Amino acid sequence: MAHDHTHVREFFGVRAADWDARFPDDGPAYAAAVAEMGLRPGDRVLDAGCGTGRALSALRAAVGTRGTVLGVDLTPEMLAAAVRSGRDAAGVLLLADVARLPLRRHSLDAVFAAGLIAHLPDPATNLRQLAGVVRPGGRLALFHPVGRAALAARQGRRISPDDLRAEGMLRPLLAGAGWRLLSYVDEDDRFLALAVREG
């Protein structure tokens, strides 16, 4: 389903203030997902659609003091919530569109994206744009703290094979955008697809 930016911004804007209170136990899940990315000290990593910054401290721990952690989000209220909780200490926060990143080509080692893919206006194009700022061999992690079935149930719908995150949809979508799917996990308590930047 296509969302225009205004819609996405309004959706998250009104939810930003109590977002963390509603999902208080996600920290370990984020940390575990980051751990599987294979980040190294000194790496440059982007949290695309960082929201209130729940992944930033895990990303910082993985890349160390010499590494670079960028958090990009389209919603000012989300970034404000990240600052209020002190999470901006772990990375540089940018108010920007993931589709129009102010970054040089191949300047990143990895991208972490929690819950992002459902909100991209043009997933094929946007994933290709992300590929452009990641070096060949760099990683992409598409994460959600609940799996597809659990999320569908929460939203009162059934799981659908034409959902973007279904493996049969995601693999060719990523391949067309310059990414090769390495691993795919869709369990009740997490969704994690890891891909590598072809090159």
N, C-alpha and C. Protein backbone atom coordinates (compact mmCIF):
# COMPACT_ATOMS: atom_id res chain seq x y z
N MET A 1 0.84 -1.18 0.00
CA MET A 1 0.00 0.00 0.00
C MET A 1 0.88 1.24 0.00
N ALA A 2 0.66 2.14 -0.89
CA ALA A 2 1.50 3.34 -0.98
C ALA A 2 1.07 4.35 0.07
N HIS A 3 2.03 4.94 0.72
CA HIS A 3 1.75 6.00 1.69
C HIS A 3 2.46 7.24 1.19
N ASP A 4 1.78 8.38 1.24
CA ASP A 4 2.55 9.60 0.98
C ASP A 4 3.17 10.03 2.30
N HIS A 5 4.18 10.88 2.20
CA HIS A 5 4.95 11.25 3.39
C HIS A 5 4.10 11.92 4.45
N THR A 6 3.14 12.74 4.05
CA THR A 6 2.31 13.44 5.02
C THR A 6 1.59 12.42 5.90
N HIS A 7 1.07 11.39 5.25
CA HIS A 7 0.35 10.35 5.97
C HIS A 7 1.28 9.65 6.97
N VAL A 8 2.47 9.28 6.51
CA VAL A 8 3.43 8.59 7.38
C VAL A 8 3.80 9.50 8.55
N ARG A 9 4.06 10.76 8.26
CA ARG A 9 4.46 11.71 9.29
C ARG A 9 3.35 11.88 10.32
N GLU A 10 2.11 11.98 9.86
CA GLU A 10 0.99 12.14 10.80
C GLU A 10 0.80 10.89 11.64
N PHE A 11 0.90 9.73 10.99
CA PHE A 11 0.72 8.46 11.69
C PHE A 11 1.70 8.36 12.85
N PHE A 12 2.98 8.62 12.58
CA PHE A 12 3.99 8.48 13.61
C PHE A 12 4.06 9.70 14.53
N GLY A 13 3.73 10.86 13.98
CA GLY A 13 3.77 12.08 14.78
C GLY A 13 2.89 11.98 16.01
N VAL A 14 1.66 11.53 15.83
CA VAL A 14 0.73 11.46 16.96
C VAL A 14 1.08 10.31 17.91
N ARG A 15 1.88 9.36 17.45
CA ARG A 15 2.23 8.21 18.27
C ARG A 15 3.59 8.35 18.96
N ALA A 16 4.34 9.36 18.58
CA ALA A 16 5.73 9.44 19.04
C ALA A 16 5.85 9.52 20.55
N ALA A 17 4.99 10.32 21.18
CA ALA A 17 5.15 10.61 22.61
C ALA A 17 5.10 9.34 23.46
N ASP A 18 4.18 8.43 23.13
CA ASP A 18 4.04 7.24 23.99
C ASP A 18 4.54 5.97 23.30
N TRP A 19 5.27 6.13 22.20
CA TRP A 19 5.74 4.98 21.42
C TRP A 19 6.51 3.99 22.29
N ASP A 20 7.50 4.49 23.05
CA ASP A 20 8.33 3.60 23.85
C ASP A 20 7.56 2.98 25.00
N ALA A 21 6.60 3.72 25.54
CA ALA A 21 5.78 3.16 26.62
C ALA A 21 4.94 1.99 26.11
N ARG A 22 4.55 2.05 24.85
CA ARG A 22 3.70 0.99 24.29
C ARG A 22 4.52 -0.25 23.97
N PHE A 23 5.79 -0.07 23.67
CA PHE A 23 6.64 -1.22 23.30
C PHE A 23 7.89 -1.23 24.18
N PRO A 24 7.71 -1.50 25.48
CA PRO A 24 8.85 -1.30 26.39
C PRO A 24 9.91 -2.39 26.34
N ASP A 25 9.58 -3.58 25.85
CA ASP A 25 10.50 -4.70 26.01
C ASP A 25 11.26 -5.07 24.75
N ASP A 26 11.36 -4.13 23.82
CA ASP A 26 11.97 -4.43 22.53
C ASP A 26 13.50 -4.36 22.54
N GLY A 27 14.07 -3.76 23.57
CA GLY A 27 15.52 -3.53 23.59
C GLY A 27 16.35 -4.76 23.26
N PRO A 28 16.13 -5.87 23.97
CA PRO A 28 16.92 -7.08 23.70
C PRO A 28 16.74 -7.60 22.27
N ALA A 29 15.53 -7.48 21.73
CA ALA A 29 15.28 -7.94 20.36
C ALA A 29 16.07 -7.10 19.36
N TYR A 30 16.11 -5.78 19.59
CA TYR A 30 16.90 -4.90 18.71
C TYR A 30 18.38 -5.26 18.81
N ALA A 31 18.86 -5.45 20.03
CA ALA A 31 20.28 -5.77 20.24
C ALA A 31 20.65 -7.08 19.56
N ALA A 32 19.76 -8.08 19.65
CA ALA A 32 20.04 -9.38 19.04
C ALA A 32 20.09 -9.26 17.52
N ALA A 33 19.19 -8.45 16.95
CA ALA A 33 19.18 -8.26 15.49
C ALA A 33 20.46 -7.56 15.04
N VAL A 34 20.87 -6.53 15.77
CA VAL A 34 22.10 -5.80 15.44
C VAL A 34 23.30 -6.75 15.52
N ALA A 35 23.30 -7.63 16.52
CA ALA A 35 24.41 -8.56 16.70
C ALA A 35 24.59 -9.47 15.48
N GLU A 36 23.49 -9.77 14.79
CA GLU A 36 23.57 -10.67 13.64
C GLU A 36 24.04 -9.98 12.36
N MET A 37 24.20 -8.66 12.42
CA MET A 37 24.61 -7.93 11.21
C MET A 37 26.09 -8.07 10.91
N GLY A 38 26.87 -8.50 11.89
CA GLY A 38 28.31 -8.66 11.66
C GLY A 38 29.04 -7.34 11.55
N LEU A 39 28.57 -6.32 12.26
CA LEU A 39 29.26 -5.02 12.25
C LEU A 39 30.60 -5.14 12.95
N ARG A 40 31.54 -4.31 12.49
CA ARG A 40 32.88 -4.30 13.08
C ARG A 40 33.19 -2.92 13.65
N PRO A 41 34.09 -2.85 14.63
CA PRO A 41 34.50 -1.54 15.15
C PRO A 41 34.98 -0.64 14.01
N GLY A 42 34.54 0.61 14.03
CA GLY A 42 34.92 1.56 12.99
C GLY A 42 33.95 1.62 11.83
N ASP A 43 32.98 0.70 11.77
CA ASP A 43 32.00 0.71 10.68
C ASP A 43 31.11 1.95 10.72
N ARG A 44 30.56 2.27 9.54
CA ARG A 44 29.62 3.39 9.41
C ARG A 44 28.24 2.80 9.12
N VAL A 45 27.30 3.01 10.04
CA VAL A 45 26.00 2.36 9.94
C VAL A 45 24.87 3.40 10.04
N LEU A 46 23.84 3.15 9.25
CA LEU A 46 22.65 4.01 9.22
C LEU A 46 21.47 3.25 9.80
N ASP A 47 20.75 3.89 10.72
CA ASP A 47 19.45 3.39 11.16
C ASP A 47 18.41 4.16 10.34
N ALA A 48 17.84 3.50 9.34
CA ALA A 48 16.92 4.14 8.39
C ALA A 48 15.50 4.04 8.92
N GLY A 49 14.90 5.19 9.23
CA GLY A 49 13.60 5.20 9.87
C GLY A 49 13.79 4.86 11.34
N CYS A 50 14.68 5.62 12.00
CA CYS A 50 15.15 5.25 13.35
C CYS A 50 14.09 5.45 14.42
N GLY A 51 13.03 6.23 14.12
CA GLY A 51 12.00 6.45 15.11
C GLY A 51 12.55 7.08 16.37
N THR A 52 12.23 6.50 17.53
CA THR A 52 12.70 7.05 18.80
C THR A 52 14.11 6.57 19.14
N GLY A 53 14.76 5.89 18.22
CA GLY A 53 16.17 5.56 18.39
C GLY A 53 16.45 4.29 19.18
N ARG A 54 15.51 3.35 19.14
CA ARG A 54 15.68 2.16 19.99
C ARG A 54 16.86 1.29 19.59
N ALA A 55 17.34 1.40 18.35
CA ALA A 55 18.48 0.57 17.93
C ALA A 55 19.82 1.27 18.10
N LEU A 56 19.80 2.57 18.39
CA LEU A 56 21.04 3.36 18.31
C LEU A 56 22.12 2.89 19.27
N SER A 57 21.75 2.56 20.53
CA SER A 57 22.79 2.17 21.49
C SER A 57 23.41 0.83 21.10
N ALA A 58 22.59 -0.09 20.57
CA ALA A 58 23.14 -1.38 20.12
C ALA A 58 24.06 -1.18 18.92
N LEU A 59 23.67 -0.28 18.01
CA LEU A 59 24.52 0.00 16.85
C LEU A 59 25.84 0.64 17.29
N ARG A 60 25.75 1.57 18.24
CA ARG A 60 26.97 2.22 18.75
C ARG A 60 27.88 1.19 19.41
N ALA A 61 27.32 0.30 20.20
CA ALA A 61 28.13 -0.72 20.87
C ALA A 61 28.85 -1.59 19.84
N ALA A 62 28.17 -1.86 18.72
CA ALA A 62 28.75 -2.73 17.69
C ALA A 62 29.89 -2.05 16.92
N VAL A 63 29.77 -0.75 16.66
CA VAL A 63 30.79 -0.08 15.84
C VAL A 63 31.84 0.65 16.68
N GLY A 64 31.57 0.79 17.98
CA GLY A 64 32.56 1.39 18.87
C GLY A 64 32.70 2.89 18.71
N THR A 65 33.63 3.45 19.45
CA THR A 65 33.78 4.90 19.47
C THR A 65 34.29 5.45 18.14
N ARG A 66 35.04 4.63 17.40
CA ARG A 66 35.56 5.10 16.11
C ARG A 66 34.53 4.99 14.98
N GLY A 67 33.48 4.24 15.23
CA GLY A 67 32.45 4.05 14.20
C GLY A 67 31.54 5.25 14.08
N THR A 68 30.69 5.21 13.06
CA THR A 68 29.71 6.27 12.83
C THR A 68 28.31 5.67 12.88
N VAL A 69 27.44 6.28 13.66
CA VAL A 69 26.04 5.86 13.74
C VAL A 69 25.17 7.04 13.34
N LEU A 70 24.38 6.84 12.29
CA LEU A 70 23.44 7.87 11.83
C LEU A 70 22.03 7.36 12.03
N GLY A 71 21.17 8.19 12.58
CA GLY A 71 19.75 7.85 12.67
C GLY A 71 18.97 8.83 11.81
N VAL A 72 18.22 8.32 10.84
CA VAL A 72 17.45 9.18 9.94
C VAL A 72 15.97 8.87 10.10
N ASP A 73 15.18 9.89 10.25
CA ASP A 73 13.73 9.70 10.31
C ASP A 73 13.04 10.91 9.68
N LEU A 74 11.83 10.65 9.20
CA LEU A 74 11.03 11.67 8.51
C LEU A 74 10.18 12.46 9.48
N THR A 75 10.06 11.97 10.72
CA THR A 75 9.09 12.51 11.68
C THR A 75 9.80 13.27 12.80
N PRO A 76 9.65 14.61 12.83
CA PRO A 76 10.33 15.41 13.87
C PRO A 76 9.99 14.95 15.29
N GLU A 77 8.73 14.55 15.51
CA GLU A 77 8.33 14.14 16.86
C GLU A 77 9.06 12.90 17.33
N MET A 78 9.34 11.99 16.39
CA MET A 78 10.08 10.77 16.75
C MET A 78 11.50 11.13 17.18
N LEU A 79 12.15 12.01 16.40
CA LEU A 79 13.52 12.40 16.74
C LEU A 79 13.54 13.17 18.06
N ALA A 80 12.52 13.98 18.29
CA ALA A 80 12.44 14.72 19.56
C ALA A 80 12.35 13.74 20.73
N ALA A 81 11.58 12.68 20.54
CA ALA A 81 11.46 11.66 21.59
C ALA A 81 12.80 10.96 21.81
N ALA A 82 13.55 10.73 20.73
CA ALA A 82 14.88 10.10 20.85
C ALA A 82 15.81 10.99 21.67
N VAL A 83 15.75 12.30 21.43
CA VAL A 83 16.59 13.25 22.17
C VAL A 83 16.18 13.29 23.64
N ARG A 84 14.87 13.31 23.89
CA ARG A 84 14.39 13.34 25.28
C ARG A 84 14.87 12.14 26.07
N SER A 85 14.98 10.99 25.41
CA SER A 85 15.40 9.78 26.12
C SER A 85 16.93 9.64 26.15
N GLY A 86 17.64 10.64 25.59
CA GLY A 86 19.10 10.63 25.64
C GLY A 86 19.74 9.74 24.59
N ARG A 87 18.93 9.20 23.67
CA ARG A 87 19.49 8.26 22.70
C ARG A 87 20.32 8.94 21.63
N ASP A 88 20.20 10.25 21.52
CA ASP A 88 21.02 10.97 20.54
C ASP A 88 22.50 10.92 20.93
N ALA A 89 22.80 10.52 22.16
CA ALA A 89 24.20 10.38 22.58
C ALA A 89 24.88 9.25 21.80
N ALA A 90 24.08 8.31 21.28
CA ALA A 90 24.66 7.14 20.61
C ALA A 90 24.89 7.37 19.12
N GLY A 91 24.31 8.43 18.58
CA GLY A 91 24.46 8.65 17.14
C GLY A 91 24.01 10.03 16.71
N VAL A 92 24.27 10.35 15.47
CA VAL A 92 23.86 11.64 14.89
C VAL A 92 22.47 11.47 14.30
N LEU A 93 21.53 12.30 14.72
CA LEU A 93 20.15 12.21 14.23
C LEU A 93 19.92 13.21 13.10
N LEU A 94 19.33 12.74 12.02
CA LEU A 94 19.02 13.60 10.88
C LEU A 94 17.54 13.51 10.54
N LEU A 95 16.91 14.66 10.36
CA LEU A 95 15.55 14.70 9.84
C LEU A 95 15.67 14.67 8.33
N ALA A 96 15.38 13.51 7.75
CA ALA A 96 15.56 13.36 6.30
C ALA A 96 14.72 12.20 5.80
N ASP A 97 14.54 12.17 4.50
CA ASP A 97 13.81 11.13 3.81
C ASP A 97 14.80 10.04 3.40
N VAL A 98 14.50 8.80 3.75
CA VAL A 98 15.36 7.68 3.40
C VAL A 98 15.59 7.62 1.88
N ALA A 99 14.60 8.12 1.12
CA ALA A 99 14.72 8.10 -0.34
C ALA A 99 15.62 9.22 -0.87
N ARG A 100 15.93 10.19 -0.01
CA ARG A 100 16.78 11.31 -0.44
C ARG A 100 17.83 11.58 0.63
N LEU A 101 18.69 10.61 0.82
CA LEU A 101 19.69 10.73 1.88
C LEU A 101 20.81 11.68 1.47
N PRO A 102 21.21 12.57 2.38
CA PRO A 102 22.31 13.47 2.08
C PRO A 102 23.67 12.81 2.31
N LEU A 103 23.87 11.65 1.67
CA LEU A 103 25.09 10.87 1.89
C LEU A 103 25.77 10.57 0.57
N ARG A 104 27.10 10.41 0.63
CA ARG A 104 27.86 10.06 -0.58
C ARG A 104 27.62 8.60 -0.95
N ARG A 105 27.82 8.30 -2.23
CA ARG A 105 27.72 6.92 -2.69
C ARG A 105 28.71 6.03 -1.95
N HIS A 106 28.27 4.84 -1.60
CA HIS A 106 29.12 3.82 -0.99
C HIS A 106 29.77 4.30 0.31
N SER A 107 29.15 5.24 1.00
CA SER A 107 29.79 5.80 2.19
C SER A 107 29.46 5.01 3.46
N LEU A 108 28.54 4.05 3.37
CA LEU A 108 28.14 3.29 4.55
C LEU A 108 28.56 1.83 4.45
N ASP A 109 28.75 1.21 5.62
CA ASP A 109 29.02 -0.22 5.68
C ASP A 109 27.75 -1.03 5.88
N ALA A 110 26.71 -0.41 6.43
CA ALA A 110 25.51 -1.17 6.73
C ALA A 110 24.31 -0.26 6.98
N VAL A 111 23.14 -0.82 6.77
CA VAL A 111 21.87 -0.14 7.07
C VAL A 111 21.01 -1.06 7.92
N PHE A 112 20.51 -0.52 9.01
CA PHE A 112 19.54 -1.22 9.85
C PHE A 112 18.20 -0.53 9.64
N ALA A 113 17.14 -1.30 9.42
CA ALA A 113 15.83 -0.71 9.15
C ALA A 113 14.76 -1.52 9.88
N ALA A 114 14.22 -0.94 10.94
CA ALA A 114 13.17 -1.61 11.71
C ALA A 114 11.81 -1.11 11.25
N GLY A 115 10.98 -2.04 10.79
CA GLY A 115 9.61 -1.68 10.41
C GLY A 115 9.52 -0.70 9.27
N LEU A 116 10.59 -0.54 8.52
CA LEU A 116 10.63 0.51 7.49
C LEU A 116 9.90 0.12 6.21
N ILE A 117 10.05 -1.13 5.80
CA ILE A 117 9.68 -1.49 4.43
C ILE A 117 8.20 -1.27 4.15
N ALA A 118 7.36 -1.45 5.18
CA ALA A 118 5.91 -1.26 4.99
C ALA A 118 5.56 0.21 4.74
N HIS A 119 6.47 1.11 5.09
CA HIS A 119 6.18 2.54 4.99
C HIS A 119 6.90 3.23 3.83
N LEU A 120 7.64 2.46 3.03
CA LEU A 120 8.32 3.07 1.89
C LEU A 120 7.31 3.35 0.77
N PRO A 121 7.34 4.57 0.22
CA PRO A 121 6.38 4.90 -0.84
C PRO A 121 6.60 4.09 -2.12
N ASP A 122 7.85 3.73 -2.40
CA ASP A 122 8.18 2.97 -3.61
C ASP A 122 9.32 2.01 -3.26
N PRO A 123 8.97 0.86 -2.67
CA PRO A 123 10.01 -0.01 -2.08
C PRO A 123 11.14 -0.37 -3.04
N ALA A 124 10.82 -0.71 -4.29
CA ALA A 124 11.87 -1.12 -5.23
C ALA A 124 12.88 0.01 -5.43
N THR A 125 12.36 1.20 -5.69
CA THR A 125 13.23 2.37 -5.89
C THR A 125 13.97 2.74 -4.60
N ASN A 126 13.24 2.74 -3.48
CA ASN A 126 13.84 3.17 -2.21
C ASN A 126 14.93 2.22 -1.75
N LEU A 127 14.74 0.91 -1.97
CA LEU A 127 15.78 -0.05 -1.61
C LEU A 127 17.01 0.11 -2.51
N ARG A 128 16.78 0.50 -3.77
CA ARG A 128 17.90 0.77 -4.67
C ARG A 128 18.64 2.03 -4.22
N GLN A 129 17.89 3.03 -3.74
CA GLN A 129 18.53 4.25 -3.24
C GLN A 129 19.38 3.94 -2.01
N LEU A 130 18.89 3.07 -1.15
CA LEU A 130 19.69 2.66 0.01
C LEU A 130 20.94 1.92 -0.44
N ALA A 131 20.80 1.07 -1.46
CA ALA A 131 21.96 0.34 -1.97
C ALA A 131 23.04 1.30 -2.47
N GLY A 132 22.61 2.44 -3.00
CA GLY A 132 23.56 3.40 -3.55
C GLY A 132 24.51 3.99 -2.52
N VAL A 133 24.06 4.07 -1.25
CA VAL A 133 24.92 4.68 -0.23
C VAL A 133 25.70 3.64 0.57
N VAL A 134 25.51 2.35 0.22
CA VAL A 134 26.22 1.27 0.92
C VAL A 134 27.30 0.70 0.00
N ARG A 135 28.46 0.44 0.57
CA ARG A 135 29.56 -0.12 -0.23
C ARG A 135 29.22 -1.55 -0.65
N PRO A 136 29.77 -2.01 -1.77
CA PRO A 136 29.62 -3.42 -2.13
C PRO A 136 30.11 -4.31 -0.99
N GLY A 137 29.33 -5.33 -0.67
CA GLY A 137 29.67 -6.20 0.46
C GLY A 137 29.06 -5.73 1.77
N GLY A 138 28.48 -4.52 1.76
CA GLY A 138 27.83 -4.01 2.97
C GLY A 138 26.51 -4.71 3.23
N ARG A 139 25.96 -4.52 4.41
CA ARG A 139 24.80 -5.27 4.86
C ARG A 139 23.55 -4.40 5.01
N LEU A 140 22.42 -5.07 4.85
CA LEU A 140 21.11 -4.48 5.13
C LEU A 140 20.37 -5.42 6.06
N ALA A 141 19.84 -4.89 7.16
CA ALA A 141 19.01 -5.69 8.06
C ALA A 141 17.61 -5.09 8.08
N LEU A 142 16.63 -5.88 7.66
CA LEU A 142 15.22 -5.49 7.76
C LEU A 142 14.64 -6.21 8.97
N PHE A 143 14.26 -5.45 9.97
CA PHE A 143 13.90 -6.03 11.27
C PHE A 143 12.50 -5.60 11.68
N HIS A 144 11.82 -6.46 12.41
CA HIS A 144 10.60 -6.08 13.11
C HIS A 144 10.54 -6.92 14.38
N PRO A 145 10.20 -6.31 15.52
CA PRO A 145 10.23 -7.07 16.78
C PRO A 145 9.11 -8.11 16.90
N VAL A 146 8.18 -8.15 15.97
CA VAL A 146 7.25 -9.28 15.90
C VAL A 146 7.22 -9.80 14.47
N GLY A 147 6.91 -11.07 14.33
CA GLY A 147 6.86 -11.69 13.02
C GLY A 147 5.60 -11.31 12.25
N ARG A 148 5.54 -11.75 11.02
CA ARG A 148 4.44 -11.35 10.13
C ARG A 148 3.08 -11.82 10.64
N ALA A 149 3.01 -13.07 11.11
CA ALA A 149 1.72 -13.62 11.55
C ALA A 149 1.22 -12.89 12.80
N ALA A 150 2.15 -12.65 13.75
CA ALA A 150 1.77 -11.98 14.99
C ALA A 150 1.33 -10.54 14.71
N LEU A 151 2.02 -9.88 13.79
CA LEU A 151 1.67 -8.51 13.44
C LEU A 151 0.30 -8.47 12.75
N ALA A 152 0.06 -9.40 11.85
CA ALA A 152 -1.22 -9.47 11.15
C ALA A 152 -2.36 -9.67 12.15
N ALA A 153 -2.14 -10.58 13.10
CA ALA A 153 -3.16 -10.85 14.11
C ALA A 153 -3.44 -9.59 14.95
N ARG A 154 -2.38 -8.89 15.30
CA ARG A 154 -2.52 -7.67 16.09
C ARG A 154 -3.35 -6.63 15.33
N GLN A 155 -3.20 -6.63 14.01
CA GLN A 155 -3.91 -5.65 13.17
C GLN A 155 -5.24 -6.19 12.66
N GLY A 156 -5.61 -7.38 13.14
CA GLY A 156 -6.90 -7.95 12.79
C GLY A 156 -7.01 -8.39 11.34
N ARG A 157 -5.91 -8.86 10.78
CA ARG A 157 -5.96 -9.36 9.40
C ARG A 157 -5.19 -10.67 9.33
N ARG A 158 -5.32 -11.34 8.19
CA ARG A 158 -4.59 -12.60 8.01
C ARG A 158 -3.29 -12.34 7.25
N ILE A 159 -2.35 -13.23 7.46
CA ILE A 159 -1.06 -13.14 6.77
C ILE A 159 -1.30 -13.36 5.27
N SER A 160 -0.57 -12.60 4.47
CA SER A 160 -0.83 -12.64 3.03
C SER A 160 0.45 -12.93 2.26
N PRO A 161 0.37 -13.83 1.26
CA PRO A 161 1.58 -14.17 0.50
C PRO A 161 2.08 -13.03 -0.39
N ASP A 162 1.22 -12.01 -0.62
CA ASP A 162 1.71 -10.89 -1.43
C ASP A 162 2.18 -9.72 -0.56
N ASP A 163 2.29 -9.97 0.75
CA ASP A 163 2.92 -9.01 1.66
C ASP A 163 4.38 -8.84 1.22
N LEU A 164 4.83 -7.60 1.19
CA LEU A 164 6.21 -7.30 0.79
C LEU A 164 7.25 -8.10 1.57
N ARG A 165 6.92 -8.42 2.83
CA ARG A 165 7.90 -9.10 3.67
C ARG A 165 7.85 -10.61 3.55
N ALA A 166 6.89 -11.15 2.78
CA ALA A 166 6.91 -12.60 2.52
C ALA A 166 8.20 -12.92 1.76
N GLU A 167 8.83 -14.02 2.11
CA GLU A 167 10.15 -14.32 1.53
C GLU A 167 10.11 -14.35 0.00
N GLY A 168 9.04 -14.92 -0.55
CA GLY A 168 8.92 -15.01 -2.00
C GLY A 168 8.77 -13.67 -2.70
N MET A 169 8.30 -12.66 -1.96
CA MET A 169 8.20 -11.30 -2.50
C MET A 169 9.50 -10.52 -2.26
N LEU A 170 10.04 -10.72 -1.05
CA LEU A 170 11.18 -9.91 -0.62
C LEU A 170 12.46 -10.24 -1.38
N ARG A 171 12.70 -11.53 -1.61
CA ARG A 171 13.95 -11.94 -2.27
C ARG A 171 14.12 -11.28 -3.64
N PRO A 172 13.11 -11.37 -4.55
CA PRO A 172 13.27 -10.71 -5.86
C PRO A 172 13.24 -9.18 -5.76
N LEU A 173 12.48 -8.64 -4.80
CA LEU A 173 12.45 -7.19 -4.60
C LEU A 173 13.85 -6.68 -4.26
N LEU A 174 14.51 -7.36 -3.33
CA LEU A 174 15.87 -6.99 -2.94
C LEU A 174 16.85 -7.18 -4.10
N ALA A 175 16.72 -8.32 -4.79
CA ALA A 175 17.65 -8.62 -5.90
C ALA A 175 17.58 -7.55 -6.97
N GLY A 176 16.38 -7.08 -7.27
CA GLY A 176 16.21 -6.04 -8.28
C GLY A 176 16.78 -4.70 -7.86
N ALA A 177 17.01 -4.54 -6.55
CA ALA A 177 17.51 -3.28 -6.02
C ALA A 177 18.99 -3.36 -5.67
N GLY A 178 19.65 -4.48 -6.02
CA GLY A 178 21.09 -4.57 -5.78
C GLY A 178 21.49 -5.28 -4.50
N TRP A 179 20.53 -5.99 -3.88
CA TRP A 179 20.80 -6.70 -2.63
C TRP A 179 20.57 -8.20 -2.83
N ARG A 180 21.37 -9.02 -2.17
CA ARG A 180 21.14 -10.46 -2.18
C ARG A 180 20.75 -10.91 -0.77
N LEU A 181 19.59 -11.55 -0.67
CA LEU A 181 19.09 -12.01 0.62
C LEU A 181 19.99 -13.13 1.14
N LEU A 182 20.51 -12.94 2.36
CA LEU A 182 21.41 -13.93 2.97
C LEU A 182 20.66 -14.86 3.91
N SER A 183 19.76 -14.29 4.71
CA SER A 183 19.02 -15.09 5.68
C SER A 183 17.67 -14.46 5.93
N TYR A 184 16.74 -15.29 6.34
CA TYR A 184 15.36 -14.85 6.50
C TYR A 184 14.75 -15.58 7.68
N VAL A 185 14.32 -14.84 8.68
CA VAL A 185 13.69 -15.42 9.87
C VAL A 185 12.37 -14.71 10.10
N ASP A 186 11.29 -15.48 10.20
CA ASP A 186 9.97 -14.91 10.47
C ASP A 186 9.32 -15.76 11.55
N GLU A 187 9.59 -15.38 12.81
CA GLU A 187 9.08 -16.10 13.97
C GLU A 187 8.11 -15.19 14.71
N ASP A 188 7.39 -15.75 15.69
CA ASP A 188 6.42 -14.93 16.42
C ASP A 188 7.06 -13.68 17.02
N ASP A 189 8.28 -13.86 17.58
CA ASP A 189 8.86 -12.74 18.32
C ASP A 189 9.90 -11.95 17.53
N ARG A 190 10.03 -12.23 16.24
CA ARG A 190 10.88 -11.35 15.44
C ARG A 190 10.82 -11.68 13.96
N PHE A 191 11.09 -10.65 13.20
CA PHE A 191 11.28 -10.78 11.76
C PHE A 191 12.65 -10.20 11.46
N LEU A 192 13.50 -10.95 10.76
CA LEU A 192 14.82 -10.42 10.42
C LEU A 192 15.27 -10.98 9.07
N ALA A 193 15.41 -10.07 8.12
CA ALA A 193 15.95 -10.44 6.81
C ALA A 193 17.28 -9.72 6.66
N LEU A 194 18.35 -10.48 6.42
CA LEU A 194 19.68 -9.91 6.22
C LEU A 194 20.06 -10.03 4.75
N ALA A 195 20.55 -8.94 4.19
CA ALA A 195 20.96 -8.95 2.79
C ALA A 195 22.34 -8.31 2.65
N VAL A 196 23.02 -8.66 1.55
CA VAL A 196 24.34 -8.09 1.29
C VAL A 196 24.26 -7.29 -0.01
N ARG A 197 24.98 -6.18 -0.03
CA ARG A 197 25.04 -5.30 -1.20
C ARG A 197 25.88 -5.98 -2.26
N GLU A 198 25.26 -6.27 -3.41
CA GLU A 198 26.00 -6.87 -4.50
C GLU A 198 26.96 -5.84 -5.10
N GLY A 199 27.96 -6.31 -5.84
CA GLY A 199 28.87 -5.33 -6.38
C GLY A 199 30.00 -6.06 -7.09
